[in-house]
Amino acid sequence: MINTMYYDAFANEYTLEIDPYAPPERYVATHRGPHGIYIEKWRVKKDGRTDLFLEIAFDTSEYYDRFYHEEKVKLMCEENGCELIELCDFTIPCEKFDQYVERVGHFNDTNI
């Protein structure tokens, strides 16, 4: 079973393989998670450090509510005294992950 795929930010699609010569910001590792849970893992800046990470979890309704999503991210940054730098890792619900893997497997060059 596949548990990790990659979001290609340049091509705007998921892929099962990465180009080893591409810049690191091109791909975001995307993992198969529990039912109905999204987790964003952000690299953050705090007290001059940029080697720290913040994970923010959402249920499906929270994740797709743009206002709630933005407010939760803002609140988490305020509570932790940090600012977002880049999304470096993403976990999506198993049902969504499996749909994407099936599409990538059958239609490797098709956007998801």
C-alpha atoms as a PDB file:
ATOM      1  CA  MET A   1       0.000   0.000   0.000  1.00  0.00           C
ATOM      2  CA  ILE A   2       1.232   3.470  -0.874  1.00  0.00           C
ATOM      3  CA  ASN A   3       1.365   5.797   2.147  1.00  0.00           C
ATOM      4  CA  THR A   4       3.238   8.784   0.685  1.00  0.00           C
ATOM      5  CA  MET A   5       2.969  10.675  -2.581  1.00  0.00           C
ATOM      6  CA  TYR A   6       4.085  14.170  -3.538  1.00  0.00           C
ATOM      7  CA  TYR A   7       2.289  17.319  -4.526  1.00  0.00           C
ATOM      8  CA  ASP A   8       4.189  18.941  -7.383  1.00  0.00           C
ATOM      9  CA  ALA A   9       3.696  22.674  -6.806  1.00  0.00           C
ATOM     10  CA  PHE A  10       5.147  23.547 -10.216  1.00  0.00           C
ATOM     11  CA  ALA A  11       2.853  21.210 -12.179  1.00  0.00           C
ATOM     12  CA  ASN A  12      -0.098  21.581  -9.772  1.00  0.00           C
ATOM     13  CA  GLU A  13      -0.646  17.824  -9.536  1.00  0.00           C
ATOM     14  CA  TYR A  14       0.142  14.802  -7.407  1.00  0.00           C
ATOM     15  CA  THR A  15       2.850  12.352  -8.390  1.00  0.00           C
ATOM     16  CA  LEU A  16       4.275   9.142  -6.978  1.00  0.00           C
ATOM     17  CA  GLU A  17       7.868  10.024  -7.933  1.00  0.00           C
ATOM     18  CA  ILE A  18      10.002  13.127  -7.576  1.00  0.00           C
ATOM     19  CA  ASP A  19      12.722  14.542  -9.783  1.00  0.00           C
ATOM     20  CA  PRO A  20      15.910  14.275  -7.687  1.00  0.00           C
ATOM     21  CA  TYR A  21      17.346  17.332  -9.463  1.00  0.00           C
ATOM     22  CA  ALA A  22      14.337  19.587  -8.792  1.00  0.00           C
ATOM     23  CA  PRO A  23      14.476  22.301  -6.138  1.00  0.00           C
ATOM     24  CA  PRO A  24      13.140  21.145  -2.754  1.00  0.00           C
ATOM     25  CA  GLU A  25      10.270  23.644  -2.757  1.00  0.00           C
ATOM     26  CA  ARG A  26       8.787  21.924  -5.805  1.00  0.00           C
ATOM     27  CA  TYR A  27       7.388  18.941  -3.883  1.00  0.00           C
ATOM     28  CA  VAL A  28       5.309  18.646  -0.729  1.00  0.00           C
ATOM     29  CA  ALA A  29       5.258  15.174   0.801  1.00  0.00           C
ATOM     30  CA  THR A  30       1.647  14.086   1.222  1.00  0.00           C
ATOM     31  CA  HIS A  31       0.793  11.229   3.581  1.00  0.00           C
ATOM     32  CA  ARG A  32      -2.154   8.891   4.021  1.00  0.00           C
ATOM     33  CA  GLY A  33      -3.809   9.807   7.312  1.00  0.00           C
ATOM     34  CA  PRO A  34      -6.788   8.777   9.410  1.00  0.00           C
ATOM     35  CA  HIS A  35     -10.365   9.155   8.188  1.00  0.00           C
ATOM     36  CA  GLY A  36     -11.516  12.789   7.982  1.00  0.00           C
ATOM     37  CA  ILE A  37      -8.308  14.431   9.264  1.00  0.00           C
ATOM     38  CA  TYR A  38      -6.028  16.931   7.515  1.00  0.00           C
ATOM     39  CA  ILE A  39      -2.686  17.939   9.047  1.00  0.00           C
ATOM     40  CA  GLU A  40      -0.511  20.727   7.682  1.00  0.00           C
ATOM     41  CA  LYS A  41       3.112  20.783   8.792  1.00  0.00           C
ATOM     42  CA  TRP A  42       4.669  24.219   8.363  1.00  0.00           C
ATOM     43  CA  ARG A  43       8.257  25.348   8.706  1.00  0.00           C
ATOM     44  CA  VAL A  44       8.073  28.458  10.871  1.00  0.00           C
ATOM     45  CA  LYS A  45      10.198  31.335  12.059  1.00  0.00           C
ATOM     46  CA  LYS A  46      10.394  31.996  15.794  1.00  0.00           C
ATOM     47  CA  ASP A  47      12.962  34.046  17.697  1.00  0.00           C
ATOM     48  CA  GLY A  48      15.140  34.231  14.590  1.00  0.00           C
ATOM     49  CA  ARG A  49      15.142  30.452  14.123  1.00  0.00           C
ATOM     50  CA  THR A  50      13.865  28.906  10.904  1.00  0.00           C
ATOM     51  CA  ASP A  51      14.419  25.228  11.747  1.00  0.00           C
ATOM     52  CA  LEU A  52      11.165  24.823  13.714  1.00  0.00           C
ATOM     53  CA  PHE A  53       7.873  23.221  12.664  1.00  0.00           C
ATOM     54  CA  LEU A  54       4.207  23.716  13.516  1.00  0.00           C
ATOM     55  CA  GLU A  55       1.556  21.076  12.847  1.00  0.00           C
ATOM     56  CA  ILE A  56      -2.062  22.166  12.527  1.00  0.00           C
ATOM     57  CA  ALA A  57      -4.858  19.570  12.393  1.00  0.00           C
ATOM     58  CA  PHE A  58      -8.313  20.069  10.876  1.00  0.00           C
ATOM     59  CA  ASP A  59     -11.364  17.888  10.433  1.00  0.00           C
ATOM     60  CA  THR A  60     -12.886  17.916   6.941  1.00  0.00           C
ATOM     61  CA  SER A  61     -15.427  20.672   7.614  1.00  0.00           C
ATOM     62  CA  GLU A  62     -12.778  22.911   9.198  1.00  0.00           C
ATOM     63  CA  TYR A  63     -10.336  22.330   6.377  1.00  0.00           C
ATOM     64  CA  TYR A  64     -12.771  23.292   3.623  1.00  0.00           C
ATOM     65  CA  ASP A  65     -14.160  26.341   5.446  1.00  0.00           C
ATOM     66  CA  ARG A  66     -11.806  29.018   4.138  1.00  0.00           C
ATOM     67  CA  PHE A  67     -12.567  31.501   6.944  1.00  0.00           C
ATOM     68  CA  TYR A  68     -12.203  28.918   9.717  1.00  0.00           C
ATOM     69  CA  HIS A  69      -9.037  27.498   8.161  1.00  0.00           C
ATOM     70  CA  GLU A  70      -7.348  30.895   7.932  1.00  0.00           C
ATOM     71  CA  GLU A  71      -8.428  31.890  11.438  1.00  0.00           C
ATOM     72  CA  LYS A  72      -7.163  28.648  12.968  1.00  0.00           C
ATOM     73  CA  VAL A  73      -3.787  29.015  11.268  1.00  0.00           C
ATOM     74  CA  LYS A  74      -3.541  32.632  12.415  1.00  0.00           C
ATOM     75  CA  LEU A  75      -4.490  31.693  15.998  1.00  0.00           C
ATOM     76  CA  MET A  76      -1.979  28.834  16.112  1.00  0.00           C
ATOM     77  CA  CYS A  77       0.775  31.168  14.934  1.00  0.00           C
ATOM     78  CA  GLU A  78      -0.175  33.773  17.540  1.00  0.00           C
ATOM     79  CA  GLU A  79      -0.314  31.168  20.328  1.00  0.00           C
ATOM     80  CA  ASN A  80       3.088  29.814  19.361  1.00  0.00           C
ATOM     81  CA  GLY A  81       4.694  33.189  18.597  1.00  0.00           C
ATOM     82  CA  CYS A  82       5.776  32.199  15.111  1.00  0.00           C
ATOM     83  CA  GLU A  83       5.256  33.043  11.467  1.00  0.00           C
ATOM     84  CA  LEU A  84       4.783  30.624   8.590  1.00  0.00           C
ATOM     85  CA  ILE A  85       7.593  30.123   6.105  1.00  0.00           C
ATOM     86  CA  GLU A  86       6.498  27.184   3.959  1.00  0.00           C
ATOM     87  CA  LEU A  87       4.244  24.145   3.927  1.00  0.00           C
ATOM     88  CA  CYS A  88       6.631  21.225   4.056  1.00  0.00           C
ATOM     89  CA  ASP A  89       4.445  18.207   4.764  1.00  0.00           C
ATOM     90  CA  PHE A  90       0.769  17.395   4.430  1.00  0.00           C
ATOM     91  CA  THR A  91      -1.434  14.568   5.696  1.00  0.00           C
ATOM     92  CA  ILE A  92      -4.831  14.010   4.103  1.00  0.00           C
ATOM     93  CA  PRO A  93      -7.682  11.639   4.972  1.00  0.00           C
ATOM     94  CA  CYS A  94      -7.176   8.062   3.811  1.00  0.00           C
ATOM     95  CA  GLU A  95     -10.247   8.180   1.569  1.00  0.00           C
ATOM     96  CA  LYS A  96      -8.980  11.282  -0.290  1.00  0.00           C
ATOM     97  CA  PHE A  97      -5.417   9.945  -0.438  1.00  0.00           C
ATOM     98  CA  ASP A  98      -6.582   6.645  -1.972  1.00  0.00           C
ATOM     99  CA  GLN A  99      -8.610   8.519  -4.619  1.00  0.00           C
ATOM    100  CA  TYR A 100      -5.556  10.546  -5.605  1.00  0.00           C
ATOM    101  CA  VAL A 101      -3.246   7.537  -5.708  1.00  0.00           C
ATOM    102  CA  GLU A 102      -5.706   5.702  -7.951  1.00  0.00           C
ATOM    103  CA  ARG A 103      -5.879   8.679 -10.319  1.00  0.00           C
ATOM    104  CA  VAL A 104      -2.101   9.099 -10.376  1.00  0.00           C
ATOM    105  CA  GLY A 105      -1.605   5.384 -10.931  1.00  0.00           C
ATOM    106  CA  HIS A 106      -4.032   5.244 -13.859  1.00  0.00           C
ATOM    107  CA  PHE A 107      -3.518   8.706 -15.285  1.00  0.00           C
ATOM    108  CA  ASN A 108       0.041   9.619 -14.383  1.00  0.00           C
ATOM    109  CA  ASP A 109       0.015  12.844 -16.429  1.00  0.00           C
ATOM    110  CA  THR A 110      -3.434  14.092 -15.338  1.00  0.00           C
ATOM    111  CA  ASN A 111      -4.011  16.871 -12.817  1.00  0.00           C
ATOM    112  CA  ILE A 112      -5.879  15.933  -9.672  1.00  0.00           C
END
